Amino acid sequence: MGEVEQLIRRIQNLAPRDFAEFRAWFLEFDARIWDRRIEADAKAGKLDDLVAEALADYRDGKARGL
């Protein structure tokens, strides 16, 4: 059995309170990773085309308020 499968089994067997604690930790952990990736992609210019497209759509009146 692989490591991921072992983790899945252990998580499935957590008590509800422990699972809630794990879930909160994991969501925060995942969000930090996502934020770092977006920040790195932005600094590397990987989002420039998307930003330019969004700004063009806004200038052309294709955007609407939230």
PDB file of N, CA and C in Angstrom:
ATOM      1  N   MET A   1       0.842  -1.176   0.000  1.00  0.00           N
ATOM      2  CA  MET A   1       0.000   0.000   0.000  1.00  0.00           C
ATOM      3  C   MET A   1       0.887   1.239   0.000  1.00  0.00           C
ATOM      4  N   GLY A   2       0.558   2.175  -0.867  1.00  0.00           N
ATOM      5  CA  GLY A   2       1.348   3.384  -0.976  1.00  0.00           C
ATOM      6  C   GLY A   2       1.083   4.366   0.157  1.00  0.00           C
ATOM      7  N   GLU A   3       1.914   5.359   0.221  1.00  0.00           N
ATOM      8  CA  GLU A   3       1.822   6.345   1.298  1.00  0.00           C
ATOM      9  C   GLU A   3       0.494   7.105   1.248  1.00  0.00           C
ATOM     10  N   VAL A   4       0.044   7.475   0.046  1.00  0.00           N
ATOM     11  CA  VAL A   4      -1.219   8.204  -0.068  1.00  0.00           C
ATOM     12  C   VAL A   4      -2.381   7.347   0.417  1.00  0.00           C
ATOM     13  N   GLU A   5      -2.381   6.094   0.023  1.00  0.00           N
ATOM     14  CA  GLU A   5      -3.446   5.200   0.469  1.00  0.00           C
ATOM     15  C   GLU A   5      -3.469   5.074   1.994  1.00  0.00           C
ATOM     16  N   GLN A   6      -2.284   5.020   2.593  1.00  0.00           N
ATOM     17  CA  GLN A   6      -2.193   4.956   4.053  1.00  0.00           C
ATOM     18  C   GLN A   6      -2.765   6.223   4.686  1.00  0.00           C
ATOM     19  N   LEU A   7      -2.430   7.366   4.106  1.00  0.00           N
ATOM     20  CA  LEU A   7      -2.964   8.628   4.627  1.00  0.00           C
ATOM     21  C   LEU A   7      -4.484   8.673   4.511  1.00  0.00           C
ATOM     22  N   ILE A   8      -5.002   8.227   3.379  1.00  0.00           N
ATOM     23  CA  ILE A   8      -6.454   8.214   3.185  1.00  0.00           C
ATOM     24  C   ILE A   8      -7.124   7.368   4.257  1.00  0.00           C
ATOM     25  N   ARG A   9      -6.589   6.211   4.490  1.00  0.00           N
ATOM     26  CA  ARG A   9      -7.170   5.338   5.524  1.00  0.00           C
ATOM     27  C   ARG A   9      -7.114   5.972   6.904  1.00  0.00           C
ATOM     28  N   ARG A  10      -5.987   6.575   7.205  1.00  0.00           N
ATOM     29  CA  ARG A  10      -5.856   7.215   8.525  1.00  0.00           C
ATOM     30  C   ARG A  10      -6.837   8.370   8.663  1.00  0.00           C
ATOM     31  N   ILE A  11      -6.984   9.152   7.608  1.00  0.00           N
ATOM     32  CA  ILE A  11      -7.918  10.284   7.651  1.00  0.00           C
ATOM     33  C   ILE A  11      -9.347   9.788   7.796  1.00  0.00           C
ATOM     34  N   GLN A  12      -9.684   8.741   7.063  1.00  0.00           N
ATOM     35  CA  GLN A  12     -11.043   8.194   7.149  1.00  0.00           C
ATOM     36  C   GLN A  12     -11.371   7.685   8.546  1.00  0.00           C
ATOM     37  N   ASN A  13     -10.367   7.309   9.295  1.00  0.00           N
ATOM     38  CA  ASN A  13     -10.579   6.753  10.627  1.00  0.00           C
ATOM     39  C   ASN A  13     -10.444   7.775  11.759  1.00  0.00           C
ATOM     40  N   LEU A  14     -10.246   9.033  11.407  1.00  0.00           N
ATOM     41  CA  LEU A  14     -10.133  10.057  12.448  1.00  0.00           C
ATOM     42  C   LEU A  14     -11.483  10.287  13.121  1.00  0.00           C
ATOM     43  N   ALA A  15     -11.416  10.588  14.385  1.00  0.00           N
ATOM     44  CA  ALA A  15     -12.613  11.006  15.109  1.00  0.00           C
ATOM     45  C   ALA A  15     -13.091  12.334  14.517  1.00  0.00           C
ATOM     46  N   PRO A  16     -14.379  12.620  14.586  1.00  0.00           N
ATOM     47  CA  PRO A  16     -14.902  13.855  13.983  1.00  0.00           C
ATOM     48  C   PRO A  16     -14.155  15.121  14.414  1.00  0.00           C
ATOM     49  N   ARG A  17     -13.834  15.220  15.682  1.00  0.00           N
ATOM     50  CA  ARG A  17     -13.119  16.412  16.163  1.00  0.00           C
ATOM     51  C   ARG A  17     -11.717  16.497  15.561  1.00  0.00           C
ATOM     52  N   ASP A  18     -11.020  15.371  15.491  1.00  0.00           N
ATOM     53  CA  ASP A  18      -9.686  15.348  14.891  1.00  0.00           C
ATOM     54  C   ASP A  18      -9.757  15.634  13.395  1.00  0.00           C
ATOM     55  N   PHE A  19     -10.807  15.114  12.741  1.00  0.00           N
ATOM     56  CA  PHE A  19     -10.962  15.376  11.309  1.00  0.00           C
ATOM     57  C   PHE A  19     -11.200  16.864  11.067  1.00  0.00           C
ATOM     58  N   ALA A  20     -12.006  17.495  11.897  1.00  0.00           N
ATOM     59  CA  ALA A  20     -12.260  18.928  11.754  1.00  0.00           C
ATOM     60  C   ALA A  20     -10.967  19.724  11.924  1.00  0.00           C
ATOM     61  N   GLU A  21     -10.157  19.324  12.883  1.00  0.00           N
ATOM     62  CA  GLU A  21      -8.872  19.995  13.098  1.00  0.00           C
ATOM     63  C   GLU A  21      -7.948  19.796  11.900  1.00  0.00           C
ATOM     64  N   PHE A  22      -7.904  18.569  11.396  1.00  0.00           N
ATOM     65  CA  PHE A  22      -7.081  18.281  10.222  1.00  0.00           C
ATOM     66  C   PHE A  22      -7.566  19.087   9.015  1.00  0.00           C
ATOM     67  N   ARG A  23      -8.877  19.110   8.796  1.00  0.00           N
ATOM     68  CA  ARG A  23      -9.439  19.817   7.647  1.00  0.00           C
ATOM     69  C   ARG A  23      -9.079  21.295   7.712  1.00  0.00           C
ATOM     70  N   ALA A  24      -9.222  21.921   8.870  1.00  0.00           N
ATOM     71  CA  ALA A  24      -8.877  23.332   9.015  1.00  0.00           C
ATOM     72  C   ALA A  24      -7.402  23.561   8.708  1.00  0.00           C
ATOM     73  N   TRP A  25      -6.554  22.690   9.232  1.00  0.00           N
ATOM     74  CA  TRP A  25      -5.117  22.815   8.958  1.00  0.00           C
ATOM     75  C   TRP A  25      -4.841  22.649   7.470  1.00  0.00           C
ATOM     76  N   PHE A  26      -5.442  21.634   6.853  1.00  0.00           N
ATOM     77  CA  PHE A  26      -5.157  21.360   5.452  1.00  0.00           C
ATOM     78  C   PHE A  26      -5.635  22.489   4.552  1.00  0.00           C
ATOM     79  N   LEU A  27      -6.811  23.039   4.813  1.00  0.00           N
ATOM     80  CA  LEU A  27      -7.310  24.137   3.991  1.00  0.00           C
ATOM     81  C   LEU A  27      -6.377  25.338   4.065  1.00  0.00           C
ATOM     82  N   GLU A  28      -5.890  25.648   5.259  1.00  0.00           N
ATOM     83  CA  GLU A  28      -4.936  26.751   5.418  1.00  0.00           C
ATOM     84  C   GLU A  28      -3.625  26.441   4.698  1.00  0.00           C
ATOM     85  N   PHE A  29      -3.138  25.239   4.849  1.00  0.00           N
ATOM     86  CA  PHE A  29      -1.907  24.800   4.191  1.00  0.00           C
ATOM     87  C   PHE A  29      -2.039  24.905   2.671  1.00  0.00           C
ATOM     88  N   ASP A  30      -3.141  24.401   2.140  1.00  0.00           N
ATOM     89  CA  ASP A  30      -3.381  24.431   0.698  1.00  0.00           C
ATOM     90  C   ASP A  30      -3.493  25.869   0.194  1.00  0.00           C
ATOM     91  N   ALA A  31      -4.147  26.727   0.949  1.00  0.00           N
ATOM     92  CA  ALA A  31      -4.287  28.130   0.555  1.00  0.00           C
ATOM     93  C   ALA A  31      -2.926  28.828   0.501  1.00  0.00           C
ATOM     94  N   ARG A  32      -2.056  28.529   1.461  1.00  0.00           N
ATOM     95  CA  ARG A  32      -0.713  29.133   1.452  1.00  0.00           C
ATOM     96  C   ARG A  32       0.070  28.697   0.223  1.00  0.00           C
ATOM     97  N   ILE A  33      -0.026  27.422  -0.124  1.00  0.00           N
ATOM     98  CA  ILE A  33       0.669  26.926  -1.318  1.00  0.00           C
ATOM     99  C   ILE A  33       0.130  27.619  -2.563  1.00  0.00           C
ATOM    100  N   TRP A  34      -1.200  27.711  -2.652  1.00  0.00           N
ATOM    101  CA  TRP A  34      -1.843  28.363  -3.804  1.00  0.00           C
ATOM    102  C   TRP A  34      -1.387  29.820  -3.905  1.00  0.00           C
ATOM    103  N   ASP A  35      -1.386  30.536  -2.784  1.00  0.00           N
ATOM    104  CA  ASP A  35      -0.975  31.939  -2.788  1.00  0.00           C
ATOM    105  C   ASP A  35       0.462  32.097  -3.264  1.00  0.00           C
ATOM    106  N   ARG A  36       1.346  31.232  -2.786  1.00  0.00           N
ATOM    107  CA  ARG A  36       2.752  31.303  -3.207  1.00  0.00           C
ATOM    108  C   ARG A  36       2.890  31.052  -4.705  1.00  0.00           C
ATOM    109  N   ARG A  37       2.115  30.100  -5.226  1.00  0.00           N
ATOM    110  CA  ARG A  37       2.183  29.774  -6.650  1.00  0.00           C
ATOM    111  C   ARG A  37       1.681  30.933  -7.503  1.00  0.00           C
ATOM    112  N   ILE A  38       0.557  31.519  -7.109  1.00  0.00           N
ATOM    113  CA  ILE A  38       0.014  32.664  -7.847  1.00  0.00           C
ATOM    114  C   ILE A  38       0.996  33.827  -7.810  1.00  0.00           C
ATOM    115  N   GLU A  39       1.571  34.076  -6.635  1.00  0.00           N
ATOM    116  CA  GLU A  39       2.539  35.164  -6.504  1.00  0.00           C
ATOM    117  C   GLU A  39       3.750  34.928  -7.401  1.00  0.00           C
ATOM    118  N   ALA A  40       4.266  33.711  -7.418  1.00  0.00           N
ATOM    119  CA  ALA A  40       5.416  33.386  -8.262  1.00  0.00           C
ATOM    120  C   ALA A  40       5.060  33.509  -9.737  1.00  0.00           C
ATOM    121  N   ASP A  41       3.875  33.029 -10.116  1.00  0.00           N
ATOM    122  CA  ASP A  41       3.450  33.132 -11.512  1.00  0.00           C
ATOM    123  C   ASP A  41       3.291  34.595 -11.923  1.00  0.00           C
ATOM    124  N   ALA A  42       2.747  35.413 -11.030  1.00  0.00           N
ATOM    125  CA  ALA A  42       2.581  36.833 -11.333  1.00  0.00           C
ATOM    126  C   ALA A  42       3.937  37.505 -11.514  1.00  0.00           C
ATOM    127  N   LYS A  43       4.871  37.219 -10.611  1.00  0.00           N
ATOM    128  CA  LYS A  43       6.208  37.814 -10.721  1.00  0.00           C
ATOM    129  C   LYS A  43       6.921  37.369 -11.988  1.00  0.00           C
ATOM    130  N   ALA A  44       6.644  36.153 -12.436  1.00  0.00           N
ATOM    131  CA  ALA A  44       7.284  35.621 -13.638  1.00  0.00           C
ATOM    132  C   ALA A  44       6.585  36.077 -14.920  1.00  0.00           C
ATOM    133  N   GLY A  45       5.487  36.822 -14.776  1.00  0.00           N
ATOM    134  CA  GLY A  45       4.787  37.331 -15.952  1.00  0.00           C
ATOM    135  C   GLY A  45       3.827  36.332 -16.580  1.00  0.00           C
ATOM    136  N   LYS A  46       3.600  35.219 -15.918  1.00  0.00           N
ATOM    137  CA  LYS A  46       2.740  34.182 -16.492  1.00  0.00           C
ATOM    138  C   LYS A  46       1.271  34.587 -16.531  1.00  0.00           C
ATOM    139  N   LEU A  47       0.901  35.623 -15.803  1.00  0.00           N
ATOM    140  CA  LEU A  47      -0.495  36.062 -15.771  1.00  0.00           C
ATOM    141  C   LEU A  47      -0.733  37.320 -16.591  1.00  0.00           C
ATOM    142  N   ASP A  48       0.315  37.836 -17.197  1.00  0.00           N
ATOM    143  CA  ASP A  48       0.216  39.109 -17.908  1.00  0.00           C
ATOM    144  C   ASP A  48      -0.840  39.085 -19.014  1.00  0.00           C
ATOM    145  N   ASP A  49      -0.901  38.011 -19.788  1.00  0.00           N
ATOM    146  CA  ASP A  49      -1.884  37.930 -20.871  1.00  0.00           C
ATOM    147  C   ASP A  49      -3.309  37.935 -20.325  1.00  0.00           C
ATOM    148  N   LEU A  50      -3.531  37.239 -19.217  1.00  0.00           N
ATOM    149  CA  LEU A  50      -4.862  37.219 -18.609  1.00  0.00           C
ATOM    150  C   LEU A  50      -5.249  38.602 -18.085  1.00  0.00           C
ATOM    151  N   VAL A  51      -4.304  39.280 -17.474  1.00  0.00           N
ATOM    152  CA  VAL A  51      -4.564  40.615 -16.953  1.00  0.00           C
ATOM    153  C   VAL A  51      -4.881  41.567 -18.102  1.00  0.00           C
ATOM    154  N   ALA A  52      -4.097  41.500 -19.161  1.00  0.00           N
ATOM    155  CA  ALA A  52      -4.325  42.369 -20.316  1.00  0.00           C
ATOM    156  C   ALA A  52      -5.704  42.108 -20.930  1.00  0.00           C
ATOM    157  N   GLU A  53      -6.076  40.859 -21.041  1.00  0.00           N
ATOM    158  CA  GLU A  53      -7.390  40.509 -21.592  1.00  0.00           C
ATOM    159  C   GLU A  53      -8.519  41.033 -20.703  1.00  0.00           C
ATOM    160  N   ALA A  54      -8.370  40.874 -19.399  1.00  0.00           N
ATOM    161  CA  ALA A  54      -9.393  41.352 -18.474  1.00  0.00           C
ATOM    162  C   ALA A  54      -9.516  42.870 -18.523  1.00  0.00           C
ATOM    163  N   LEU A  55      -8.395  43.567 -18.583  1.00  0.00           N
ATOM    164  CA  LEU A  55      -8.434  45.030 -18.670  1.00  0.00           C
ATOM    165  C   LEU A  55      -9.059  45.492 -19.977  1.00  0.00           C
ATOM    166  N   ALA A  56      -8.751  44.811 -21.062  1.00  0.00           N
ATOM    167  CA  ALA A  56      -9.345  45.156 -22.359  1.00  0.00           C
ATOM    168  C   ALA A  56     -10.857  44.950 -22.317  1.00  0.00           C
ATOM    169  N   ASP A  57     -11.295  43.853 -21.741  1.00  0.00           N
ATOM    170  CA  ASP A  57     -12.728  43.602 -21.608  1.00  0.00           C
ATOM    171  C   ASP A  57     -13.388  44.695 -20.769  1.00  0.00           C
ATOM    172  N   TYR A  58     -12.731  45.117 -19.712  1.00  0.00           N
ATOM    173  CA  TYR A  58     -13.267  46.167 -18.853  1.00  0.00           C
ATOM    174  C   TYR A  58     -13.387  47.480 -19.633  1.00  0.00           C
ATOM    175  N   ARG A  59     -12.325  47.849 -20.348  1.00  0.00           N
ATOM    176  CA  ARG A  59     -12.340  49.075 -21.130  1.00  0.00           C
ATOM    177  C   ARG A  59     -13.408  49.047 -22.227  1.00  0.00           C
ATOM    178  N   ASP A  60     -13.668  47.850 -22.761  1.00  0.00           N
ATOM    179  CA  ASP A  60     -14.671  47.698 -23.834  1.00  0.00           C
ATOM    180  C   ASP A  60     -16.089  47.553 -23.299  1.00  0.00           C
ATOM    181  N   GLY A  61     -16.247  47.713 -21.990  1.00  0.00           N
ATOM    182  CA  GLY A  61     -17.582  47.648 -21.409  1.00  0.00           C
ATOM    183  C   GLY A  61     -18.129  46.237 -21.276  1.00  0.00           C
ATOM    184  N   LYS A  62     -17.271  45.238 -21.342  1.00  0.00           N
ATOM    185  CA  LYS A  62     -17.719  43.843 -21.250  1.00  0.00           C
ATOM    186  C   LYS A  62     -17.777  43.330 -19.810  1.00  0.00           C
ATOM    187  N   ALA A  63     -17.454  44.201 -18.870  1.00  0.00           N
ATOM    188  CA  ALA A  63     -17.469  43.804 -17.462  1.00  0.00           C
ATOM    189  C   ALA A  63     -18.729  44.364 -16.798  1.00  0.00           C
ATOM    190  N   ARG A  64     -19.140  43.720 -15.742  1.00  0.00           N
ATOM    191  CA  ARG A  64     -20.293  44.215 -14.983  1.00  0.00           C
ATOM    192  C   ARG A  64     -19.947  44.161 -13.511  1.00  0.00           C
ATOM    193  N   GLY A  65     -20.593  44.982 -12.758  1.00  0.00           N
ATOM    194  CA  GLY A  65     -20.343  45.063 -11.326  1.00  0.00           C
ATOM    195  C   GLY A  65     -20.759  43.787 -10.615  1.00  0.00           C
ATOM    196  N   LEU A  66     -20.163  43.598  -9.477  1.00  0.00           N
ATOM    197  CA  LEU A  66     -20.516  42.425  -8.673  1.00  0.00           C
ATOM    198  C   LEU A  66     -21.771  42.654  -7.884  1.00  0.00           C
TER     199      LEU A  66
END
